[in-house]
Amino acid sequence: MLGTVKFFDERHGYGFITTLGSDVDIFVHFSQIRAKGRKVLVPGQEVSFRLVDGEKGPTAEGVTVIDDLG
């Protein structure tokens, strides 16, 4: 699934992803970011991920940045 980072709190290690055509925010935890080094996301980045039903709602797993904004 593809989406865009809406918000990411680097200090607390979590954020939210949105998808085109949906108003639902998808939770993302830093532990699910597939990256070397710092596992952070930046609002506006495009990402691919697997959508799962988490305990508190939609959750992203296996998050990969596909547009690093620079």
C-alpha atoms as a PDB file:
ATOM      1  CA  MET A   1       0.000   0.000   0.000  1.00  0.00           C
ATOM      2  CA  LEU A   2       1.180   3.561  -0.674  1.00  0.00           C
ATOM      3  CA  GLY A   3       0.763   6.588   1.550  1.00  0.00           C
ATOM      4  CA  THR A   4       2.156   9.932   2.665  1.00  0.00           C
ATOM      5  CA  VAL A   5       3.638  10.742   6.062  1.00  0.00           C
ATOM      6  CA  LYS A   6       1.263  13.147   7.806  1.00  0.00           C
ATOM      7  CA  PHE A   7       3.133  13.528  11.104  1.00  0.00           C
ATOM      8  CA  PHE A   8       6.127  11.934  12.826  1.00  0.00           C
ATOM      9  CA  ASP A   9       7.385  12.630  16.355  1.00  0.00           C
ATOM     10  CA  GLU A  10      11.073  11.706  16.282  1.00  0.00           C
ATOM     11  CA  ARG A  11      11.409  12.062  20.054  1.00  0.00           C
ATOM     12  CA  HIS A  12       8.645   9.560  20.794  1.00  0.00           C
ATOM     13  CA  GLY A  13       9.206   7.399  17.705  1.00  0.00           C
ATOM     14  CA  TYR A  14       5.750   7.322  16.207  1.00  0.00           C
ATOM     15  CA  GLY A  15       3.594   9.079  13.665  1.00  0.00           C
ATOM     16  CA  PHE A  16       0.784   8.753  11.158  1.00  0.00           C
ATOM     17  CA  ILE A  17       0.448   8.000   7.463  1.00  0.00           C
ATOM     18  CA  THR A  18      -2.465   8.958   5.222  1.00  0.00           C
ATOM     19  CA  THR A  19      -3.573   7.356   1.982  1.00  0.00           C
ATOM     20  CA  LEU A  20      -5.206   8.913  -1.049  1.00  0.00           C
ATOM     21  CA  GLY A  21      -8.989   8.777  -0.834  1.00  0.00           C
ATOM     22  CA  SER A  22      -9.145   7.991   2.888  1.00  0.00           C
ATOM     23  CA  ASP A  23      -9.483  10.209   5.933  1.00  0.00           C
ATOM     24  CA  VAL A  24      -8.201   7.488   8.290  1.00  0.00           C
ATOM     25  CA  ASP A  25      -4.815   8.061   9.948  1.00  0.00           C
ATOM     26  CA  ILE A  26      -2.590   4.969   9.997  1.00  0.00           C
ATOM     27  CA  PHE A  27      -0.310   4.612  13.016  1.00  0.00           C
ATOM     28  CA  VAL A  28       3.395   3.961  12.404  1.00  0.00           C
ATOM     29  CA  HIS A  29       6.032   3.079  15.027  1.00  0.00           C
ATOM     30  CA  PHE A  30       9.731   3.623  14.316  1.00  0.00           C
ATOM     31  CA  SER A  31      10.393  -0.102  14.772  1.00  0.00           C
ATOM     32  CA  GLN A  32       8.447  -0.742  11.542  1.00  0.00           C
ATOM     33  CA  ILE A  33      10.576   1.589   9.394  1.00  0.00           C
ATOM     34  CA  ARG A  34      12.904  -0.291   7.050  1.00  0.00           C
ATOM     35  CA  ALA A  35      15.965   1.936   6.914  1.00  0.00           C
ATOM     36  CA  LYS A  36      19.635   1.895   7.789  1.00  0.00           C
ATOM     37  CA  GLY A  37      20.693   4.317  10.490  1.00  0.00           C
ATOM     38  CA  ARG A  38      18.096   6.620  12.029  1.00  0.00           C
ATOM     39  CA  LYS A  39      14.568   5.365  11.655  1.00  0.00           C
ATOM     40  CA  VAL A  40      12.623   8.573  11.194  1.00  0.00           C
ATOM     41  CA  LEU A  41      10.020   9.839   8.760  1.00  0.00           C
ATOM     42  CA  VAL A  42       9.403  13.362   7.487  1.00  0.00           C
ATOM     43  CA  PRO A  43       5.953  14.813   6.768  1.00  0.00           C
ATOM     44  CA  GLY A  44       5.334  14.726   3.025  1.00  0.00           C
ATOM     45  CA  GLN A  45       7.478  11.644   2.356  1.00  0.00           C
ATOM     46  CA  GLU A  46       5.868   8.959   0.246  1.00  0.00           C
ATOM     47  CA  VAL A  47       6.059   5.479   1.742  1.00  0.00           C
ATOM     48  CA  SER A  48       5.015   1.933   1.002  1.00  0.00           C
ATOM     49  CA  PHE A  49       3.779  -0.295   3.805  1.00  0.00           C
ATOM     50  CA  ARG A  50       1.631  -3.241   4.807  1.00  0.00           C
ATOM     51  CA  LEU A  51      -1.659  -2.288   6.485  1.00  0.00           C
ATOM     52  CA  VAL A  52      -2.632  -4.373   9.515  1.00  0.00           C
ATOM     53  CA  ASP A  53      -5.393  -4.200  12.101  1.00  0.00           C
ATOM     54  CA  GLY A  54      -3.674  -3.055  15.287  1.00  0.00           C
ATOM     55  CA  GLU A  55      -5.100  -3.155  18.805  1.00  0.00           C
ATOM     56  CA  LYS A  56      -6.042   0.528  18.566  1.00  0.00           C
ATOM     57  CA  GLY A  57      -6.769   0.785  14.843  1.00  0.00           C
ATOM     58  CA  PRO A  58      -4.986   0.673  11.478  1.00  0.00           C
ATOM     59  CA  THR A  59      -1.227   0.192  11.771  1.00  0.00           C
ATOM     60  CA  ALA A  60       1.605   0.275   9.219  1.00  0.00           C
ATOM     61  CA  GLU A  61       4.209  -2.499   9.100  1.00  0.00           C
ATOM     62  CA  GLY A  62       7.299  -2.851   6.915  1.00  0.00           C
ATOM     63  CA  VAL A  63       7.423   0.863   6.083  1.00  0.00           C
ATOM     64  CA  THR A  64       9.792   1.813   3.250  1.00  0.00           C
ATOM     65  CA  VAL A  65      10.434   5.381   2.086  1.00  0.00           C
ATOM     66  CA  ILE A  66       9.932   5.686  -1.674  1.00  0.00           C
ATOM     67  CA  ASP A  67      10.449   9.469  -1.867  1.00  0.00           C
ATOM     68  CA  ASP A  68      13.106  10.897   0.442  1.00  0.00           C
ATOM     69  CA  LEU A  69      12.308  14.551  -0.387  1.00  0.00           C
ATOM     70  CA  GLY A  70      15.745  15.367  -1.529  1.00  0.00           C
END
